[in-house]
Amino acid sequence: MQTKSIHWSGRSNLMSRSAHSTPPIAEGFANTSPPVTPTSPPNNGPGTHPSAKSQAPQTPFPLTLFSNQPSTPRPPTSNVSLSLHHAIAAPFPSTPGRLSMSSRPVLRALFASSPSRAILRSAARTTTHRLPALAAHRPPPPPPFSTSASPAMAASYTPSPVLRAPRVTIACVQMAAGADKAANLSRAASLVSRAASTTGAKIVVLPECFNSPYGTNFFATYAEPLPRSPASQPPPADEAPSYHALAAMARDASVFLVGGSVPEREAATGRLYNTSLTFGPDGALLAAHRKVHLFDIDIPGKIAFKESEVLSAGDALTLVDLPGIGTIAVAICYDVRFPELATVAARRGAFALVYPGAFNLTTGALHWELLARARAVDNQLYVAVCSPARDMAASYHAWGHSMVVSPMAKVLAEAQEDEAIISAELVSEEIEEARRNIPLRTQRRFDVYPDVAQGKQ
C-alpha cells in the first residue's frame, strides 16, 4: 500500500484577436441634380478620421448603397427622392437611425427646391414612419450588474477563518469491498489505522458502500438500522455491526471518521437509505447524512441505474462541526452533481465538502474530476471525493481516482484505480487567499437571485 500524490498545474492557451475591423464607410451619392450645400459644416461625429470628412459617416450596420451611373441617368424626381432617402436613412454616429442637427438644412433645401412637393411629402412621411422621432436626452441605463455588493446582499457571509486550525491533514481510503461484510469491516479498520499512523491525518474518509458490494440488488441484504442523530440510542452490535465497527475505528485511530456510506433500514417504516455516519475521535456519533439525490440515470449503450427502485431519498443538508478544526459538509456520490447543496454548505461556513462516492467507468471518466474541481472553485473551499477501488470481477466497476482538491481547483492528491491511501494538507490561509483574491462571497447579487443559504438544514 502506498500513498500517492499527484500535483496538477494548469496551462492556458492565450488567443489573440485582431483589432476590430472598421465598419464600412458608405459611398457618396452622386446626384445629377445641382448639389445642395448645407449651411453648416457636416458633422462627422466623434472618432471620424479627418481624411474621411468627405465621405458619409461610418455605419454600424449594412446599407444599400445608391449611385447614379452616367450611362443611365434617372428622372429628376427619382434623384430627389433618392437624395432624400440617403440623407434621412443614413445612420449618424451618436444615435443610429435618428436625424442629426446637421441634416436639417439638407432637408429644408430639398423641400424648397423640389419640383414635386407631393412626392417629397410622401417620401418624408414614409421615411419618418420608419424612424423614431428625436427624443429628449436620457441618461444611459445602469450597468447590468455591479462588482460591489451592499451589506444586505452579503448578509449571510460567514466571516473568516472557516478553518479554525492553521492546517489539518485529511486522508481518503480507497478500498475494494466484497460480499463478506465482516471481512469488509475488518479491512476498513486496518486501512483507517494505517492512514492515521502514516499520514498524520486528523480526518479520514471511507468510500461509498465500503461494507458491501454496490448495487440495487445488494442494498436490502446489507442494510442495518442506524441512529438518526447523536442523541439516538444506537442499535445493538448484532443488528448494526457497521455502526459499532465505525465507532471503534474512529476511537482506536483517534480521528474524525467520515464512514463512507452503508445501506440503512429505517426500523419504523422499513425504508432503505444510503447513509453516511461521521464519528469523533472518542467514537461518538457526530452526524448522519442520508443521500439526497438518488442515482437514476440511463446512458444508452453505457449504463442504466435506478437507485429509486430500492432506496428512499434523504431530505436535509448535513453539516458536521469538528471541534477545534471547523465545519465540513458531508454528502454522497450523486449529490456532488448538484451545486446548490454545496453552495448552501459553503455559505454556512464549511471549509471542506466530503463526498464518499462510487462513480463508474462511464460517469467517472466523464465528470469525476471535473465535478470535484468545480465544487471546489465554485465555493472556494476544499473538496475530498473518496471512491471504492476498482474490481473488474465485481458486478459494478467503480472508477476509483479518489482525490483532494484545493479552493483554487488544484488536485492536491489522487489515487489511481487500485486500493490506496491518499492524503493532503488543508491550509486555512489557502482558503482565505482564494477568497481575498477573487471575492465571490461579497459580490453575490441577492437582489437578483435568492440567497441559497436559506436552504433547508
Protein backbone atom coordinates (compact mmCIF):
# COMPACT_ATOMS: atom_id res chain seq x y z
CA MET A 1 0.00 0.00 0.00
CA GLN A 2 1.34 3.41 -0.81
CA THR A 3 0.29 6.98 -0.66
CA LYS A 4 0.01 8.67 -4.00
CA SER A 5 0.02 12.40 -4.50
CA ILE A 6 -0.09 13.97 -7.92
CA HIS A 7 0.18 17.74 -8.30
CA TRP A 8 -1.71 19.34 -11.11
CA SER A 9 -0.75 22.51 -12.82
CA GLY A 10 -2.87 24.09 -15.45
CA ARG A 11 -1.66 25.82 -18.57
CA SER A 12 -3.87 28.14 -20.51
CA ASN A 13 -3.64 28.92 -24.16
CA LEU A 14 -3.80 32.58 -24.99
CA MET A 15 -5.68 33.52 -28.10
CA SER A 16 -5.02 36.85 -29.76
CA ARG A 17 -7.67 38.56 -31.70
CA SER A 18 -7.12 41.02 -34.49
CA ALA A 19 -8.31 44.54 -33.91
CA HIS A 20 -11.96 45.17 -34.60
CA SER A 21 -12.45 45.90 -38.24
CA THR A 22 -13.63 49.39 -39.02
CA PRO A 23 -17.26 49.45 -40.17
CA PRO A 24 -17.63 50.12 -43.88
CA ILE A 25 -17.94 53.75 -44.94
CA ALA A 26 -20.86 54.36 -47.24
CA GLU A 27 -20.00 55.56 -50.71
CA GLY A 28 -21.05 59.10 -51.53
CA PHE A 29 -24.26 59.50 -53.53
CA ALA A 30 -23.63 61.13 -56.86
CA ASN A 31 -26.71 63.22 -57.65
CA THR A 32 -27.33 64.52 -61.14
CA SER A 33 -29.32 67.44 -59.72
CA PRO A 34 -27.48 70.59 -58.66
CA PRO A 35 -25.71 69.90 -55.36
CA VAL A 36 -27.25 71.25 -52.19
CA THR A 37 -24.72 72.89 -49.89
CA PRO A 38 -25.54 72.73 -46.15
CA THR A 39 -25.48 75.99 -44.21
CA SER A 40 -23.12 74.45 -41.63
CA PRO A 41 -20.17 72.08 -41.97
CA PRO A 42 -21.09 68.41 -41.94
CA ASN A 43 -20.91 66.63 -38.61
CA ASN A 44 -18.57 63.71 -39.00
CA GLY A 45 -19.22 62.51 -35.46
CA PRO A 46 -16.74 61.51 -32.81
CA GLY A 47 -13.95 59.23 -33.83
CA THR A 48 -14.16 60.05 -37.56
CA HIS A 49 -10.78 60.35 -39.17
CA PRO A 50 -10.16 63.76 -40.80
CA SER A 51 -9.43 62.09 -44.11
CA ALA A 52 -12.94 60.66 -44.16
CA LYS A 53 -14.75 64.02 -43.85
CA SER A 54 -15.71 63.99 -47.49
CA GLN A 55 -17.42 60.65 -47.00
CA ALA A 56 -20.61 59.67 -45.28
CA PRO A 57 -20.42 58.65 -41.59
CA GLN A 58 -19.37 55.16 -40.59
CA THR A 59 -22.22 52.70 -40.42
CA PRO A 60 -22.76 50.13 -37.71
CA PHE A 61 -24.99 48.03 -39.97
CA PRO A 62 -25.12 47.31 -43.73
CA LEU A 63 -26.67 49.87 -46.07
CA THR A 64 -27.87 49.57 -49.64
CA LEU A 65 -25.57 51.93 -51.49
CA PHE A 66 -27.11 54.15 -54.13
CA SER A 67 -25.23 55.72 -57.04
CA ASN A 68 -26.17 57.14 -60.44
CA GLN A 69 -24.45 55.69 -63.48
CA PRO A 70 -23.72 58.30 -66.16
CA SER A 71 -24.91 55.90 -68.85
CA THR A 72 -28.36 55.51 -67.28
CA PRO A 73 -29.49 58.90 -65.95
CA ARG A 74 -32.62 58.84 -63.79
CA PRO A 75 -35.54 61.28 -63.84
CA PRO A 76 -35.09 64.34 -61.63
CA THR A 77 -37.91 63.34 -59.29
CA SER A 78 -36.28 59.96 -58.74
CA ASN A 79 -32.96 61.62 -57.98
CA VAL A 80 -34.52 63.96 -55.45
CA SER A 81 -36.32 61.07 -53.76
CA LEU A 82 -33.13 59.05 -53.58
CA SER A 83 -31.23 62.03 -52.22
CA LEU A 84 -33.86 62.45 -49.54
CA HIS A 85 -33.74 58.75 -48.68
CA HIS A 86 -29.95 58.88 -48.46
CA ALA A 87 -29.99 61.98 -46.27
CA ILE A 88 -32.55 60.58 -43.84
CA ALA A 89 -31.78 56.87 -43.71
CA ALA A 90 -28.01 57.04 -43.29
CA PRO A 91 -27.25 56.49 -39.62
CA PHE A 92 -25.50 59.12 -37.56
CA PRO A 93 -22.69 58.49 -35.12
CA SER A 94 -24.41 59.25 -31.83
CA THR A 95 -27.92 57.87 -32.39
CA PRO A 96 -28.22 55.45 -35.33
CA GLY A 97 -31.41 55.86 -37.28
CA ARG A 98 -32.22 59.34 -35.92
CA LEU A 99 -31.89 62.75 -37.56
CA SER A 100 -28.89 64.84 -36.57
CA MET A 101 -28.88 68.62 -36.45
CA SER A 102 -26.58 68.81 -39.46
CA SER A 103 -29.13 67.03 -41.66
CA ARG A 104 -31.96 69.51 -41.14
CA PRO A 105 -30.63 72.18 -43.57
CA VAL A 106 -30.32 69.46 -46.20
CA LEU A 107 -33.96 68.50 -45.77
CA ARG A 108 -35.14 72.12 -45.86
CA ALA A 109 -33.16 72.74 -49.04
CA LEU A 110 -34.52 69.62 -50.67
CA PHE A 111 -38.10 70.55 -49.84
CA ALA A 112 -37.59 74.10 -51.11
CA SER A 113 -36.08 73.06 -54.44
CA SER A 114 -38.26 70.07 -55.17
CA PRO A 115 -40.26 70.11 -58.42
CA SER A 116 -42.90 67.94 -56.79
CA ARG A 117 -43.81 68.73 -53.15
CA ALA A 118 -46.31 65.87 -53.12
CA ILE A 119 -43.59 63.32 -53.88
CA LEU A 120 -41.33 64.79 -51.21
CA ARG A 121 -44.07 64.88 -48.59
CA SER A 122 -44.94 61.27 -49.39
CA ALA A 123 -41.31 60.19 -49.17
CA ALA A 124 -40.78 62.13 -45.95
CA ARG A 125 -43.91 60.65 -44.38
CA THR A 126 -42.82 57.15 -45.39
CA THR A 127 -39.29 57.59 -44.09
CA THR A 128 -40.32 59.29 -40.85
CA HIS A 129 -42.72 56.45 -40.14
CA ARG A 130 -39.77 54.04 -40.13
CA LEU A 131 -37.53 56.17 -37.90
CA PRO A 132 -38.14 57.22 -34.28
CA ALA A 133 -38.61 60.89 -33.62
CA LEU A 134 -35.93 62.89 -31.88
CA ALA A 135 -36.21 62.18 -28.16
CA ALA A 136 -35.17 64.22 -25.20
CA HIS A 137 -31.80 63.33 -23.76
CA ARG A 138 -31.98 60.38 -21.41
CA PRO A 139 -29.24 59.23 -19.05
CA PRO A 140 -27.60 55.95 -20.04
CA PRO A 141 -29.13 52.85 -18.43
CA PRO A 142 -27.32 51.44 -15.40
CA PRO A 143 -24.93 48.55 -15.98
CA PRO A 144 -26.49 45.07 -15.72
CA PHE A 145 -24.54 44.34 -12.54
CA SER A 146 -22.09 45.84 -10.14
CA THR A 147 -18.92 44.34 -8.78
CA SER A 148 -19.70 45.56 -5.26
CA ALA A 149 -22.46 44.22 -3.04
CA SER A 150 -24.44 46.11 -0.45
CA PRO A 151 -24.35 44.87 3.16
CA ALA A 152 -27.78 43.33 2.65
CA MET A 153 -26.52 41.30 -0.29
CA ALA A 154 -23.77 39.75 1.80
CA ALA A 155 -25.79 39.39 5.00
CA SER A 156 -25.22 35.65 5.21
CA TYR A 157 -21.49 35.89 4.52
CA THR A 158 -19.57 33.75 7.02
CA PRO A 159 -16.61 35.65 8.48
CA SER A 160 -13.17 34.14 8.05
CA PRO A 161 -11.47 31.99 9.06
CA VAL A 162 -13.67 28.98 8.39
CA LEU A 163 -10.83 26.57 9.16
CA ARG A 164 -10.06 27.19 12.83
CA ALA A 165 -6.77 25.27 12.83
CA PRO A 166 -3.93 26.72 10.72
CA ARG A 167 -3.68 23.40 8.88
CA VAL A 168 -5.11 19.89 9.10
CA THR A 169 -4.45 16.69 7.14
CA ILE A 170 -7.22 14.67 5.50
CA ALA A 171 -6.82 11.12 4.16
CA CYS A 172 -9.02 9.12 1.80
CA VAL A 173 -9.03 5.31 2.00
CA GLN A 174 -9.74 3.79 -1.42
CA MET A 175 -10.62 0.14 -0.73
CA ALA A 176 -12.43 -2.67 -2.51
CA ALA A 177 -15.48 -4.31 -0.91
CA GLY A 178 -16.52 -7.91 -1.42
CA ALA A 179 -19.53 -9.99 -0.46
CA ASP A 180 -18.36 -10.69 3.13
CA LYS A 181 -19.49 -7.80 5.35
CA ALA A 182 -17.31 -8.84 8.31
CA ALA A 183 -14.24 -9.03 6.09
CA ASN A 184 -15.02 -5.60 4.65
CA LEU A 185 -15.30 -4.09 8.14
CA SER A 186 -12.05 -5.68 9.24
CA ARG A 187 -10.25 -4.45 6.12
CA ALA A 188 -11.60 -0.93 6.64
CA ALA A 189 -10.40 -0.87 10.26
CA SER A 190 -6.89 -1.85 9.19
CA LEU A 191 -6.72 0.82 6.50
CA VAL A 192 -8.12 3.59 8.72
CA SER A 193 -5.47 2.81 11.32
CA ARG A 194 -2.77 2.83 8.65
CA ALA A 195 -3.99 6.14 7.21
CA ALA A 196 -3.85 7.82 10.60
CA SER A 197 -0.42 6.47 11.52
CA THR A 198 1.33 7.01 8.18
CA THR A 199 -0.10 10.37 7.13
CA GLY A 200 -0.86 12.05 10.44
CA ALA A 201 -4.42 12.66 9.23
CA LYS A 202 -6.96 14.01 11.69
CA ILE A 203 -9.81 13.41 9.23
CA VAL A 204 -10.15 10.04 7.47
CA VAL A 205 -12.74 9.22 4.79
CA LEU A 206 -14.02 5.82 3.63
CA PRO A 207 -15.76 5.18 0.28
CA GLU A 208 -19.43 4.77 -0.53
CA CYS A 209 -20.80 1.30 0.32
CA PHE A 210 -17.49 0.24 1.87
CA ASN A 211 -19.17 -2.62 3.77
CA SER A 212 -20.92 -4.27 0.81
CA PRO A 213 -20.99 -4.61 -2.97
CA TYR A 214 -22.65 -1.65 -4.68
CA GLY A 215 -25.92 -2.33 -6.50
CA THR A 216 -29.68 -2.12 -6.09
CA ASN A 217 -29.84 -5.90 -5.56
CA PHE A 218 -27.48 -5.64 -2.55
CA PHE A 219 -28.96 -2.75 -0.56
CA ALA A 220 -31.71 -4.72 1.21
CA THR A 221 -29.40 -7.63 2.03
CA TYR A 222 -26.73 -5.49 3.70
CA ALA A 223 -28.99 -2.84 5.27
CA GLU A 224 -28.80 -2.15 9.02
CA PRO A 225 -30.78 0.01 11.45
CA LEU A 226 -28.82 3.17 12.24
CA PRO A 227 -29.28 6.01 14.73
CA ARG A 228 -30.54 9.22 13.17
CA SER A 229 -28.63 11.60 15.44
CA PRO A 230 -26.09 11.66 18.27
CA ALA A 231 -28.99 11.73 20.72
CA SER A 232 -30.47 8.49 19.35
CA GLN A 233 -29.88 5.20 21.09
CA PRO A 234 -27.64 3.02 18.89
CA PRO A 235 -28.92 -0.44 17.96
CA PRO A 236 -27.15 -3.49 19.41
CA ALA A 237 -23.97 -4.69 17.72
CA ASP A 238 -25.55 -7.80 16.24
CA GLU A 239 -28.14 -5.65 14.43
CA ALA A 240 -25.83 -2.81 13.40
CA PRO A 241 -22.29 -4.21 13.11
CA SER A 242 -21.19 -1.44 10.72
CA TYR A 243 -22.17 1.32 13.15
CA HIS A 244 -20.22 -0.23 16.03
CA ALA A 245 -17.22 -1.05 13.83
CA LEU A 246 -17.00 2.56 12.61
CA ALA A 247 -17.22 3.93 16.14
CA ALA A 248 -14.35 1.65 17.16
CA MET A 249 -12.24 2.65 14.11
CA ALA A 250 -12.54 6.36 14.96
CA ARG A 251 -11.78 5.78 18.63
CA ASP A 252 -8.83 3.46 18.05
CA ALA A 253 -7.21 5.75 15.47
CA SER A 254 -8.21 8.92 17.34
CA VAL A 255 -9.52 10.57 14.17
CA PHE A 256 -12.64 12.22 12.85
CA LEU A 257 -14.02 9.48 10.62
CA VAL A 258 -16.42 10.01 7.71
CA GLY A 259 -17.57 6.43 7.45
CA GLY A 260 -18.22 6.24 3.72
CA SER A 261 -21.78 5.01 3.43
CA VAL A 262 -23.74 1.92 4.38
CA PRO A 263 -27.24 0.75 3.44
CA GLU A 264 -29.68 1.76 6.18
CA ARG A 265 -33.07 0.24 7.01
CA GLU A 266 -35.38 2.56 8.91
CA ALA A 267 -36.90 0.50 11.71
CA ALA A 268 -40.23 2.33 11.81
CA THR A 269 -41.01 2.22 8.08
CA GLY A 270 -38.74 -0.42 6.57
CA ARG A 271 -37.49 2.15 4.04
CA LEU A 272 -33.95 1.85 2.75
CA TYR A 273 -31.46 4.73 2.62
CA ASN A 274 -27.85 5.22 1.58
CA THR A 275 -26.38 6.75 4.75
CA SER A 276 -23.04 8.21 5.83
CA LEU A 277 -22.08 8.33 9.52
CA THR A 278 -19.44 10.70 10.93
CA PHE A 279 -17.69 9.96 14.24
CA GLY A 280 -15.40 11.92 16.54
CA PRO A 281 -12.02 10.76 17.92
CA ASP A 282 -13.81 9.46 21.02
CA GLY A 283 -16.01 7.18 18.92
CA ALA A 284 -19.14 9.27 19.42
CA LEU A 285 -21.55 9.78 16.53
CA LEU A 286 -21.48 13.37 15.27
CA ALA A 287 -23.90 13.23 12.32
CA ALA A 288 -25.78 11.00 9.88
CA HIS A 289 -26.38 12.01 6.26
CA ARG A 290 -28.91 10.29 4.01
CA LYS A 291 -28.13 10.58 0.31
CA VAL A 292 -30.33 13.39 -1.01
CA HIS A 293 -30.11 12.83 -4.78
CA LEU A 294 -30.69 9.27 -5.96
CA PHE A 295 -28.62 7.91 -8.83
CA ASP A 296 -31.21 7.41 -11.58
CA ILE A 297 -29.54 7.57 -15.00
CA ASP A 298 -29.72 5.89 -18.39
CA ILE A 299 -26.87 6.42 -20.84
CA PRO A 300 -27.76 4.25 -23.88
CA GLY A 301 -25.14 1.66 -24.65
CA LYS A 302 -23.20 2.55 -21.49
CA ILE A 303 -25.02 2.21 -18.17
CA ALA A 304 -28.52 2.33 -16.72
CA PHE A 305 -29.04 2.55 -12.97
CA LYS A 306 -32.03 3.46 -10.81
CA GLU A 307 -31.46 3.71 -7.08
CA SER A 308 -35.01 4.95 -6.55
CA GLU A 309 -36.31 1.46 -7.31
CA VAL A 310 -34.98 0.44 -3.89
CA LEU A 311 -33.79 3.49 -1.95
CA SER A 312 -35.58 6.49 -0.49
CA ALA A 313 -34.01 9.94 -0.63
CA GLY A 314 -32.80 11.97 2.31
CA ASP A 315 -34.20 15.44 2.81
CA ALA A 316 -31.51 17.53 4.51
CA LEU A 317 -28.07 19.04 4.17
CA THR A 318 -25.55 17.67 6.67
CA LEU A 319 -23.03 19.99 8.30
CA VAL A 320 -20.68 18.48 10.86
CA ASP A 321 -18.73 20.55 13.39
CA LEU A 322 -15.31 19.08 14.10
CA PRO A 323 -14.27 20.63 17.44
CA GLY A 324 -11.03 22.58 17.17
CA ILE A 325 -10.95 22.29 13.37
CA GLY A 326 -14.09 23.67 11.74
CA THR A 327 -17.19 22.59 9.85
CA ILE A 328 -17.36 20.11 6.99
CA ALA A 329 -20.31 19.18 4.80
CA VAL A 330 -20.92 15.50 4.08
CA ALA A 331 -22.81 14.31 1.02
CA ILE A 332 -22.79 11.12 -1.06
CA CYS A 333 -21.78 10.44 -4.67
CA TYR A 334 -24.55 11.77 -6.94
CA ASP A 335 -25.04 14.70 -4.54
CA VAL A 336 -21.83 16.20 -5.98
CA ARG A 337 -23.63 16.97 -9.26
CA PHE A 338 -25.91 19.50 -7.58
CA PRO A 339 -24.07 22.77 -6.90
CA GLU A 340 -26.87 24.19 -4.76
CA LEU A 341 -26.19 21.72 -1.95
CA ALA A 342 -22.51 22.65 -1.94
CA THR A 343 -23.22 26.37 -2.06
CA VAL A 344 -25.55 26.20 0.93
CA ALA A 345 -22.83 24.38 2.87
CA ALA A 346 -20.20 26.93 1.89
CA ARG A 347 -22.43 29.87 2.79
CA ARG A 348 -22.94 28.31 6.20
CA GLY A 349 -19.27 28.13 6.95
CA ALA A 350 -17.96 24.76 5.74
CA PHE A 351 -14.24 24.66 4.97
CA ALA A 352 -14.50 21.34 3.09
CA LEU A 353 -17.01 19.24 1.17
CA VAL A 354 -16.58 15.49 1.67
CA TYR A 355 -18.18 13.10 -0.82
CA PRO A 356 -17.86 9.32 -0.46
CA GLY A 357 -18.82 8.22 -3.98
CA ALA A 358 -18.82 5.32 -6.41
CA PHE A 359 -18.81 6.70 -9.94
CA ASN A 360 -18.50 4.05 -12.66
CA LEU A 361 -16.28 3.74 -15.72
CA THR A 362 -18.67 5.88 -17.79
CA THR A 363 -19.58 8.70 -15.42
CA GLY A 364 -16.18 8.67 -13.73
CA ALA A 365 -14.26 9.18 -16.95
CA LEU A 366 -16.63 11.98 -17.92
CA HIS A 367 -17.12 14.01 -14.79
CA TRP A 368 -15.48 12.75 -11.57
CA GLU A 369 -12.52 15.15 -11.55
CA LEU A 370 -14.48 17.91 -13.27
CA LEU A 371 -17.19 17.92 -10.59
CA ALA A 372 -14.73 17.79 -7.69
CA ARG A 373 -12.79 20.75 -9.06
CA ALA A 374 -15.95 22.67 -9.96
CA ARG A 375 -17.41 22.36 -6.46
CA ALA A 376 -14.08 23.50 -5.01
CA VAL A 377 -13.66 26.59 -7.17
CA ASP A 378 -17.38 27.46 -7.06
CA ASN A 379 -17.24 27.73 -3.30
CA GLN A 380 -13.55 28.42 -2.66
CA LEU A 381 -13.05 25.54 -0.25
CA TYR A 382 -11.52 22.07 -0.17
CA VAL A 383 -13.22 19.03 -1.70
CA ALA A 384 -12.48 15.37 -0.97
CA VAL A 385 -14.06 12.60 -3.07
CA CYS A 386 -13.45 9.02 -1.92
CA SER A 387 -14.20 6.07 -4.22
CA PRO A 388 -14.07 2.29 -3.83
CA ALA A 389 -11.14 0.64 -5.60
CA ARG A 390 -11.93 -0.85 -8.99
CA ASP A 391 -12.70 -4.58 -9.06
CA MET A 392 -13.32 -5.83 -12.59
CA ALA A 393 -14.59 -9.14 -11.17
CA ALA A 394 -17.44 -7.34 -9.38
CA SER A 395 -20.83 -6.63 -10.91
CA TYR A 396 -20.27 -2.86 -10.59
CA HIS A 397 -16.98 -1.34 -11.74
CA ALA A 398 -16.05 1.69 -9.66
CA TRP A 399 -13.98 4.46 -11.21
CA GLY A 400 -11.51 4.89 -8.34
CA HIS A 401 -9.33 8.02 -8.54
CA SER A 402 -10.11 9.32 -5.05
CA MET A 403 -8.81 12.87 -4.81
CA VAL A 404 -8.46 16.02 -2.73
CA VAL A 405 -8.88 19.40 -4.46
CA SER A 406 -7.85 22.88 -3.28
CA PRO A 407 -10.00 26.05 -3.18
CA MET A 408 -8.39 27.10 -6.48
CA ALA A 409 -9.26 23.74 -8.11
CA LYS A 410 -5.79 22.25 -7.93
CA VAL A 411 -5.71 18.46 -7.47
CA LEU A 412 -3.56 18.02 -4.37
CA ALA A 413 -3.62 14.22 -4.20
CA GLU A 414 -5.08 11.48 -6.40
CA ALA A 415 -5.22 7.69 -6.34
CA GLN A 416 -5.44 5.53 -9.44
CA GLU A 417 -7.90 2.61 -9.68
CA ASP A 418 -6.34 0.22 -7.15
CA GLU A 419 -6.53 0.24 -3.36
CA ALA A 420 -4.63 3.23 -1.97
CA ILE A 421 -4.42 5.77 0.80
CA ILE A 422 -4.03 9.40 -0.29
CA SER A 423 -3.66 12.46 1.90
CA ALA A 424 -3.39 16.23 1.62
CA GLU A 425 -2.85 19.11 3.98
CA LEU A 426 -5.70 21.62 4.19
CA VAL A 427 -4.36 25.11 4.95
CA SER A 428 -6.51 27.89 6.36
CA GLU A 429 -4.53 30.59 4.55
CA GLU A 430 -5.21 28.98 1.16
CA ILE A 431 -8.94 29.40 1.70
CA GLU A 432 -8.53 32.99 2.85
CA GLU A 433 -6.18 33.86 0.00
CA ALA A 434 -8.59 32.48 -2.61
CA ARG A 435 -11.43 34.50 -1.12
CA ARG A 436 -9.38 37.68 -0.87
CA ASN A 437 -8.10 37.47 -4.42
CA ILE A 438 -11.44 36.56 -6.00
CA PRO A 439 -14.04 37.88 -3.51
CA LEU A 440 -17.07 35.96 -4.73
CA ARG A 441 -18.59 35.82 -1.28
CA THR A 442 -19.09 39.59 -1.06
CA GLN A 443 -20.07 40.05 -4.71
CA ARG A 444 -23.17 37.90 -4.77
CA ARG A 445 -26.33 39.64 -6.00
CA PHE A 446 -29.18 38.61 -3.74
CA ASP A 447 -31.24 41.44 -5.22
CA VAL A 448 -31.16 39.46 -8.49
CA TYR A 449 -31.43 35.88 -7.20
CA PRO A 450 -32.26 34.33 -3.82
CA ASP A 451 -29.67 33.65 -1.16
CA VAL A 452 -29.38 29.87 -1.26
CA ALA A 453 -28.04 29.88 2.29
CA GLN A 454 -31.70 29.83 3.30
CA GLY A 455 -31.86 26.20 2.15
CA LYS A 456 -33.22 23.54 4.48
CA GLN A 457 -30.88 22.05 7.05
